[in-house]
Amino acid sequence: MKDFKEGEMVIRKAGLDDSEILSEVGKVTFTEAFGDTNTKEDLQNYLNRSFHVHTLRTQLEGRSIFYIAELNGDAVGYLKLNLEADVPEVEDINAVQLERIYIRKYLYGAGLGTTLLERAVKVAGELNFDHIWLGVWQENKRAIDFYLKHNFKTIGTKLFRIGENITKDFVMLLQISHHQ
């Protein structure tokens, strides 16, 4: 793992007791990433719906896997794998969705995104998936460049809604090597 210089970084699998931590870090990181591109009302409604403790607990009990990144004991990022989401407009592909990967803004460029992505690839491989897919907003150049650098390919588009705001996402796919 990269030396973060600020202290000790730990990446750990989230359990049922982590729904409040995931709620907090999810709201903070999503707001840092997209707060300026949505109305306050749309953003708040999305945060309340997507990061409600009960919603996250249900996902943790179901077919989603979360990993939390902690720096000196504080949650600073996370990833979410959705084991049951089909790739839009693609049939017969053994893929897991990397539904979310977010880190605190002050850690952008520090290597944490790569560390979380590497964990997602490792877990997906251990679960015998052949691909990881994700949706990324077409205006999020930083994220698109990140995924392209890590060998994701753009294979299509899908719509993403936050309240009244409907955006178009690129659908990106990564083939996993099971020999890692």
Protein backbone atom coordinates (compact mmCIF):
# COMPACT_ATOMS: atom_id res chain seq x y z
CA MET A 1 0.00 0.00 0.00
CA LYS A 2 1.17 3.50 -0.80
CA ASP A 3 2.77 5.55 1.97
CA PHE A 4 0.19 8.25 2.74
CA LYS A 5 2.58 10.22 4.95
CA GLU A 6 -0.37 11.43 7.05
CA GLY A 7 -0.49 8.22 9.06
CA GLU A 8 -1.64 4.65 8.91
CA MET A 9 -4.13 3.65 6.20
CA VAL A 10 -6.26 0.54 6.66
CA ILE A 11 -8.67 -0.92 4.11
CA ARG A 12 -11.19 -3.24 5.76
CA LYS A 13 -14.36 -5.06 4.78
CA ALA A 14 -17.45 -3.38 6.20
CA GLY A 15 -19.82 -5.29 8.44
CA LEU A 16 -23.40 -4.68 9.55
CA ASP A 17 -22.19 -2.44 12.38
CA ASP A 18 -20.59 -0.08 9.86
CA SER A 19 -23.79 1.32 8.32
CA GLU A 20 -23.47 4.61 10.25
CA ILE A 21 -19.81 5.03 9.24
CA LEU A 22 -20.71 4.31 5.60
CA SER A 23 -23.59 6.78 5.80
CA GLU A 24 -21.32 9.52 7.06
CA VAL A 25 -18.39 8.94 4.69
CA GLY A 26 -20.79 8.40 1.78
CA LYS A 27 -22.56 11.71 2.33
CA VAL A 28 -19.32 13.65 2.81
CA THR A 29 -17.47 12.18 -0.17
CA PHE A 30 -20.44 12.43 -2.55
CA THR A 31 -21.03 16.05 -1.53
CA GLU A 32 -17.35 16.88 -2.02
CA ALA A 33 -17.44 15.29 -5.47
CA PHE A 34 -20.81 16.53 -6.77
CA GLY A 35 -22.24 19.11 -4.37
CA ASP A 36 -21.52 21.98 -6.75
CA THR A 37 -23.24 20.31 -9.72
CA ASN A 38 -26.68 19.73 -8.17
CA THR A 39 -29.29 21.85 -6.44
CA LYS A 40 -29.22 21.66 -2.66
CA GLU A 41 -32.67 20.04 -2.65
CA ASP A 42 -31.76 17.37 -5.22
CA LEU A 43 -28.48 16.66 -3.45
CA GLN A 44 -30.09 16.38 -0.01
CA ASN A 45 -32.83 14.07 -1.29
CA TYR A 46 -30.25 11.85 -2.99
CA LEU A 47 -28.06 11.73 0.11
CA ASN A 48 -31.02 10.93 2.36
CA ARG A 49 -32.18 8.14 0.07
CA SER A 50 -28.84 6.62 -0.96
CA PHE A 51 -26.95 6.96 2.30
CA HIS A 52 -29.64 6.35 4.88
CA VAL A 53 -28.38 4.00 7.59
CA HIS A 54 -31.26 1.57 7.01
CA THR A 55 -30.62 1.52 3.23
CA LEU A 56 -26.94 0.77 3.76
CA ARG A 57 -27.66 -1.89 6.36
CA THR A 58 -30.05 -3.60 3.92
CA GLN A 59 -27.34 -3.51 1.24
CA LEU A 60 -24.78 -4.93 3.66
CA GLU A 61 -27.20 -7.77 4.47
CA GLY A 62 -27.84 -8.38 0.77
CA ARG A 63 -25.73 -8.69 -2.35
CA SER A 64 -23.40 -5.73 -1.87
CA ILE A 65 -19.90 -5.68 -0.45
CA PHE A 66 -18.33 -2.56 1.01
CA TYR A 67 -14.74 -1.80 1.99
CA ILE A 68 -13.88 1.21 4.13
CA ALA A 69 -10.59 3.12 3.96
CA GLU A 70 -9.53 4.46 7.33
CA LEU A 71 -6.70 6.88 7.99
CA ASN A 72 -5.68 6.94 11.65
CA GLY A 73 -9.05 5.39 12.49
CA ASP A 74 -11.16 7.91 10.53
CA ALA A 75 -13.16 6.78 7.49
CA VAL A 76 -11.79 8.66 4.47
CA GLY A 77 -13.15 6.59 1.59
CA TYR A 78 -14.96 3.45 0.57
CA LEU A 79 -15.93 1.20 -2.28
CA LYS A 80 -19.13 -0.69 -2.99
CA LEU A 81 -19.44 -3.77 -5.19
CA ASN A 82 -22.95 -4.65 -6.35
CA LEU A 83 -23.00 -8.39 -7.08
CA GLU A 84 -26.31 -8.44 -8.93
CA ALA A 85 -26.31 -5.48 -11.32
CA ASP A 86 -26.36 -6.36 -15.01
CA VAL A 87 -24.14 -4.44 -17.41
CA PRO A 88 -26.41 -2.04 -19.35
CA GLU A 89 -27.06 -3.21 -22.92
CA VAL A 90 -24.64 -6.16 -22.64
CA GLU A 91 -25.83 -9.74 -22.29
CA ASP A 92 -24.08 -12.88 -21.11
CA ILE A 93 -21.16 -11.26 -19.32
CA ASN A 94 -19.90 -12.36 -15.91
CA ALA A 95 -19.42 -8.93 -14.32
CA VAL A 96 -19.70 -7.23 -10.96
CA GLN A 97 -20.59 -3.56 -10.67
CA LEU A 98 -18.19 -1.19 -8.96
CA GLU A 99 -21.13 0.96 -7.93
CA ARG A 100 -19.19 3.42 -5.80
CA ILE A 101 -15.62 4.33 -5.13
CA TYR A 102 -15.21 7.62 -3.27
CA ILE A 103 -12.49 9.23 -1.21
CA ARG A 104 -12.17 12.47 0.72
CA LYS A 105 -11.16 15.32 -1.56
CA TYR A 106 -8.02 16.17 0.41
CA LEU A 107 -6.70 12.69 -0.50
CA TYR A 108 -7.21 13.06 -4.26
CA GLY A 109 -3.96 12.12 -5.99
CA ALA A 110 -2.51 10.34 -2.95
CA GLY A 111 -3.02 6.84 -4.37
CA LEU A 112 -6.02 5.84 -2.28
CA GLY A 113 -8.29 5.52 -5.31
CA THR A 114 -5.83 3.08 -6.87
CA THR A 115 -5.59 1.16 -3.60
CA LEU A 116 -9.38 0.83 -3.40
CA LEU A 117 -9.64 -0.14 -7.07
CA GLU A 118 -6.98 -2.82 -6.60
CA ARG A 119 -8.99 -4.20 -3.68
CA ALA A 120 -12.15 -4.25 -5.83
CA VAL A 121 -10.33 -6.15 -8.59
CA LYS A 122 -8.91 -8.64 -6.08
CA VAL A 123 -12.32 -9.29 -4.49
CA ALA A 124 -14.05 -9.56 -7.88
CA GLY A 125 -11.46 -12.12 -8.99
CA GLU A 126 -11.84 -14.11 -5.76
CA LEU A 127 -15.59 -14.20 -6.42
CA ASN A 128 -14.90 -15.56 -9.94
CA PHE A 129 -16.12 -12.54 -11.88
CA ASP A 130 -14.44 -11.96 -15.26
CA HIS A 131 -15.17 -8.23 -15.49
CA ILE A 132 -15.88 -5.14 -13.42
CA TRP A 133 -18.22 -2.53 -14.81
CA LEU A 134 -19.13 0.95 -13.64
CA GLY A 135 -20.93 4.10 -14.63
CA VAL A 136 -19.08 7.42 -14.55
CA TRP A 137 -20.54 10.86 -15.29
CA GLN A 138 -19.41 12.05 -18.72
CA GLU A 139 -18.35 15.41 -17.24
CA ASN A 140 -16.12 13.82 -14.56
CA LYS A 141 -12.85 13.99 -16.51
CA ARG A 142 -10.72 13.19 -13.46
CA ALA A 143 -12.58 9.92 -12.82
CA ILE A 144 -12.70 8.98 -16.51
CA ASP A 145 -8.94 9.50 -16.83
CA PHE A 146 -8.41 7.43 -13.66
CA TYR A 147 -10.39 4.49 -15.02
CA LEU A 148 -8.78 4.69 -18.46
CA LYS A 149 -5.35 4.67 -16.79
CA HIS A 150 -6.40 1.45 -15.06
CA ASN A 151 -7.42 -0.24 -18.36
CA PHE A 152 -11.18 0.27 -18.28
CA LYS A 153 -12.78 0.58 -21.71
CA THR A 154 -15.84 2.68 -22.51
CA ILE A 155 -18.57 0.39 -23.86
CA GLY A 156 -21.70 2.55 -23.81
CA THR A 157 -23.79 5.03 -21.85
CA LYS A 158 -26.58 5.04 -19.30
CA LEU A 159 -28.67 7.68 -17.56
CA PHE A 160 -28.20 8.65 -13.92
CA ARG A 161 -30.72 10.69 -11.97
CA ILE A 162 -30.30 12.91 -8.93
CA GLY A 163 -33.69 14.53 -8.37
CA GLU A 164 -34.55 16.63 -11.40
CA ASN A 165 -31.00 16.39 -12.71
CA ILE A 166 -30.57 13.60 -15.26
CA THR A 167 -27.03 13.05 -16.46
CA LYS A 168 -25.44 10.70 -18.94
CA ASP A 169 -22.81 8.30 -17.65
CA PHE A 170 -20.23 6.37 -19.59
CA VAL A 171 -20.42 2.65 -18.93
CA MET A 172 -16.89 1.33 -18.53
CA LEU A 173 -15.66 -2.26 -18.35
CA LEU A 174 -12.48 -3.87 -17.08
CA GLN A 175 -11.47 -7.44 -17.86
CA ILE A 176 -10.04 -9.16 -14.81
CA SER A 177 -7.01 -11.39 -15.05
CA HIS A 178 -7.43 -14.35 -12.73
CA HIS A 179 -3.65 -14.78 -12.61
CA GLN A 180 -2.92 -11.81 -10.37
